[in-house]
């Protein structure tokens, strides 16, 4: 009887462990030679970690992402794709930052869910972003808007998104500029 229960426990344990997202590797083996690849590898090393904080710009109280708790969780991590869930105030506003290692370099795009209700037949505005440029380092990357972004959001054609991870302070910064002027900035700290 003891063998039966031990076998049952082992089977349940193995089944539970195998039910995680099959795409996620907690430490994917990523070759990192360029600053873009090094940044990607550093972000992948944070898989499963959550960062929490708030916006530091703008100070407009009517802005959706001001005066609220912001959380970013590094969720899916593979050799080619990292997904970071970005949530406001519990779960009332949600986006996913998707970073991919593509043939042309490191690419960021935004998968927006948000809280807006769309009329029947209208799709959520999503997929905007761009490729990292050559200003980046192993801990910071800049992503100017690509042609697709300019096409679907003409007012965002000059957008530049920035992501920065400071391993000493264990902070993550996400920022946006438009027309070379700050538009949004959030500073988040790693949760223990």
Protein backbone atom coordinates (compact mmCIF):
# COMPACT_ATOMS: atom_id res chain seq x y z
CA UNK A 1 0.00 0.00 0.00
CA UNK A 2 2.87 2.38 0.80
CA UNK A 3 4.31 1.74 -2.65
CA UNK A 4 0.95 2.59 -4.24
CA UNK A 5 0.72 5.96 -2.42
CA UNK A 6 4.39 6.74 -3.14
CA UNK A 7 3.83 5.98 -6.83
CA UNK A 8 0.66 8.09 -6.87
CA UNK A 9 2.46 11.02 -5.18
CA UNK A 10 5.34 10.78 -7.66
CA UNK A 11 2.94 10.71 -10.61
CA UNK A 12 1.02 13.75 -9.32
CA UNK A 13 4.25 15.65 -8.64
CA UNK A 14 5.66 14.97 -12.12
CA UNK A 15 2.33 15.89 -13.74
CA UNK A 16 2.11 19.16 -11.79
CA UNK A 17 5.69 20.12 -12.66
CA UNK A 18 5.13 19.34 -16.32
CA UNK A 19 2.03 21.52 -16.57
CA UNK A 20 3.92 24.82 -16.73
CA UNK A 21 4.05 26.83 -19.94
CA UNK A 22 6.08 24.61 -22.26
CA UNK A 23 7.55 27.66 -24.06
CA UNK A 24 9.11 29.08 -20.92
CA UNK A 25 12.62 28.15 -19.96
CA UNK A 26 13.68 29.64 -16.64
CA UNK A 27 17.24 29.99 -17.93
CA UNK A 28 17.30 29.70 -21.73
CA UNK A 29 20.77 29.26 -23.21
CA UNK A 30 21.23 32.47 -25.20
CA UNK A 31 24.40 33.36 -27.02
CA UNK A 32 25.05 37.02 -26.28
CA UNK A 33 27.71 38.82 -28.27
CA UNK A 34 26.11 42.15 -29.25
CA UNK A 35 24.61 44.67 -26.79
CA UNK A 36 21.13 43.73 -28.07
CA UNK A 37 21.76 40.03 -27.45
CA UNK A 38 23.29 40.80 -24.03
CA UNK A 39 20.24 42.88 -23.07
CA UNK A 40 17.95 40.09 -24.23
CA UNK A 41 19.91 37.50 -22.21
CA UNK A 42 19.85 39.74 -19.11
CA UNK A 43 16.07 40.16 -19.43
CA UNK A 44 15.59 36.41 -19.96
CA UNK A 45 17.54 35.77 -16.75
CA UNK A 46 14.69 37.56 -14.93
CA UNK A 47 12.08 35.07 -16.12
CA UNK A 48 9.41 34.62 -13.46
CA UNK A 49 10.36 37.85 -11.63
CA UNK A 50 7.87 40.63 -10.90
CA UNK A 51 8.70 44.34 -10.65
CA UNK A 52 6.34 46.81 -8.97
CA UNK A 53 6.31 50.59 -8.81
CA UNK A 54 4.68 53.65 -10.33
CA UNK A 55 4.98 56.20 -13.06
CA UNK A 56 7.43 59.03 -12.53
CA UNK A 57 6.22 60.98 -15.58
CA UNK A 58 3.80 62.57 -16.33
CA UNK A 59 2.28 64.02 -13.19
CA UNK A 60 -1.12 64.48 -14.86
CA UNK A 61 -3.67 62.95 -12.43
CA UNK A 62 -6.02 62.15 -15.35
CA UNK A 63 -3.46 59.92 -17.10
CA UNK A 64 -4.46 56.23 -17.00
CA UNK A 65 -1.09 55.11 -15.63
CA UNK A 66 -0.52 57.82 -13.00
CA UNK A 67 -1.25 57.46 -9.27
CA UNK A 68 -1.67 53.71 -9.50
CA UNK A 69 0.37 50.59 -8.79
CA UNK A 70 2.14 49.26 -11.88
CA UNK A 71 3.48 45.71 -12.17
CA UNK A 72 5.63 44.06 -14.81
CA UNK A 73 6.18 40.31 -14.77
CA UNK A 74 8.74 38.64 -17.04
CA UNK A 75 6.55 35.72 -18.13
CA UNK A 76 7.52 33.80 -21.24
CA UNK A 77 11.21 33.34 -21.97
CA UNK A 78 12.66 31.41 -24.89
CA UNK A 79 15.70 31.83 -27.12
CA UNK A 80 13.61 33.94 -29.50
CA UNK A 81 10.81 35.57 -27.48
CA UNK A 82 10.27 37.22 -24.10
CA UNK A 83 6.84 38.39 -22.93
CA UNK A 84 6.50 40.89 -20.09
CA UNK A 85 2.98 41.42 -18.70
CA UNK A 86 2.37 45.04 -17.66
CA UNK A 87 -0.63 45.54 -15.36
CA UNK A 88 -2.15 48.59 -13.69
CA UNK A 89 -4.02 48.57 -10.39
CA UNK A 90 -4.54 44.86 -9.91
CA UNK A 91 -5.81 43.80 -13.29
CA UNK A 92 -7.83 46.73 -14.63
CA UNK A 93 -5.44 47.62 -17.49
CA UNK A 94 -3.20 45.17 -19.21
CA UNK A 95 -0.58 45.11 -21.94
CA UNK A 96 2.20 42.74 -22.89
CA UNK A 97 5.61 43.89 -24.06
CA UNK A 98 6.94 41.33 -26.50
CA UNK A 99 10.64 41.28 -27.31
CA UNK A 100 11.85 39.04 -30.11
CA UNK A 101 15.26 38.25 -31.51
CA UNK A 102 14.60 38.56 -35.24
CA UNK A 103 16.82 38.39 -38.28
CA UNK A 104 17.06 42.21 -38.29
CA UNK A 105 17.79 42.47 -34.56
CA UNK A 106 15.96 42.93 -31.27
CA UNK A 107 12.34 43.98 -31.79
CA UNK A 108 9.79 45.30 -29.28
CA UNK A 109 6.07 45.40 -29.86
CA UNK A 110 3.05 46.01 -27.67
CA UNK A 111 0.10 43.66 -27.39
CA UNK A 112 -2.60 45.86 -25.87
CA UNK A 113 -5.62 44.49 -24.12
CA UNK A 114 -6.49 47.57 -22.08
CA UNK A 115 -9.92 48.32 -20.70
CA UNK A 116 -11.39 50.02 -23.76
CA UNK A 117 -14.46 48.39 -25.27
CA UNK A 118 -14.30 48.22 -29.05
CA UNK A 119 -17.33 48.52 -31.36
CA UNK A 120 -18.28 45.30 -33.14
CA UNK A 121 -15.86 44.70 -36.01
CA UNK A 122 -13.20 47.08 -34.69
CA UNK A 123 -9.97 45.44 -33.54
CA UNK A 124 -7.80 46.64 -30.64
CA UNK A 125 -4.84 48.74 -31.72
CA UNK A 126 -1.88 46.47 -31.14
CA UNK A 127 1.48 45.45 -32.58
CA UNK A 128 3.16 48.85 -32.53
CA UNK A 129 6.84 49.11 -31.60
CA UNK A 130 10.19 48.99 -33.35
CA UNK A 131 13.71 47.58 -33.64
CA UNK A 132 16.43 48.44 -31.14
CA UNK A 133 18.92 50.96 -32.51
CA UNK A 134 22.69 51.13 -31.94
CA UNK A 135 22.58 53.32 -28.79
CA UNK A 136 21.83 50.39 -26.49
CA UNK A 137 23.93 48.57 -23.93
CA UNK A 138 23.64 45.23 -22.16
CA UNK A 139 21.27 46.87 -19.65
CA UNK A 140 19.46 49.53 -21.72
CA UNK A 141 17.89 49.54 -25.18
CA UNK A 142 16.10 52.15 -27.32
CA UNK A 143 13.35 51.16 -29.77
CA UNK A 144 12.39 53.83 -32.35
CA UNK A 145 8.98 53.38 -33.96
CA UNK A 146 9.01 51.23 -37.09
CA UNK A 147 7.12 51.73 -40.36
CA UNK A 148 4.18 49.59 -39.20
CA UNK A 149 3.76 51.83 -36.15
CA UNK A 150 3.81 54.96 -38.33
CA UNK A 151 1.18 53.37 -40.56
CA UNK A 152 -1.28 52.37 -37.83
CA UNK A 153 -0.52 55.28 -35.45
CA UNK A 154 0.77 58.23 -37.51
CA UNK A 155 1.02 60.40 -34.38
CA UNK A 156 3.47 57.83 -32.91
CA UNK A 157 5.89 57.88 -35.86
CA UNK A 158 8.53 59.66 -33.73
CA UNK A 159 8.06 57.42 -30.67
CA UNK A 160 11.13 55.94 -29.01
CA UNK A 161 10.60 53.37 -26.26
CA UNK A 162 13.36 52.69 -23.75
CA UNK A 163 13.84 49.75 -21.40
CA UNK A 164 16.50 49.63 -18.71
CA UNK A 165 17.38 47.05 -16.07
CA UNK A 166 19.75 48.04 -13.24
CA UNK A 167 21.01 44.81 -11.62
CA UNK A 168 22.56 46.63 -8.63
CA UNK A 169 19.40 48.54 -7.69
CA UNK A 170 17.17 45.73 -9.05
CA UNK A 171 15.01 48.24 -10.87
CA UNK A 172 13.35 48.17 -14.27
CA UNK A 173 12.51 51.37 -16.17
CA UNK A 174 10.14 51.63 -19.12
CA UNK A 175 9.93 55.01 -20.84
CA UNK A 176 8.47 56.61 -23.95
CA UNK A 177 9.47 59.77 -25.82
CA UNK A 178 7.59 61.43 -28.68
CA UNK A 179 9.07 64.28 -30.73
CA UNK A 180 12.16 63.95 -28.47
CA UNK A 181 10.03 64.93 -25.45
CA UNK A 182 9.21 62.68 -22.46
CA UNK A 183 5.73 61.17 -22.69
CA UNK A 184 5.75 58.41 -20.07
CA UNK A 185 8.18 56.85 -17.59
CA UNK A 186 7.69 54.10 -15.00
CA UNK A 187 10.24 52.90 -12.45
CA UNK A 188 9.63 49.48 -10.96
CA UNK A 189 11.51 47.57 -8.25
CA UNK A 190 12.06 43.83 -8.11
CA UNK A 191 9.72 42.10 -5.68
CA UNK A 192 11.18 39.64 -3.17
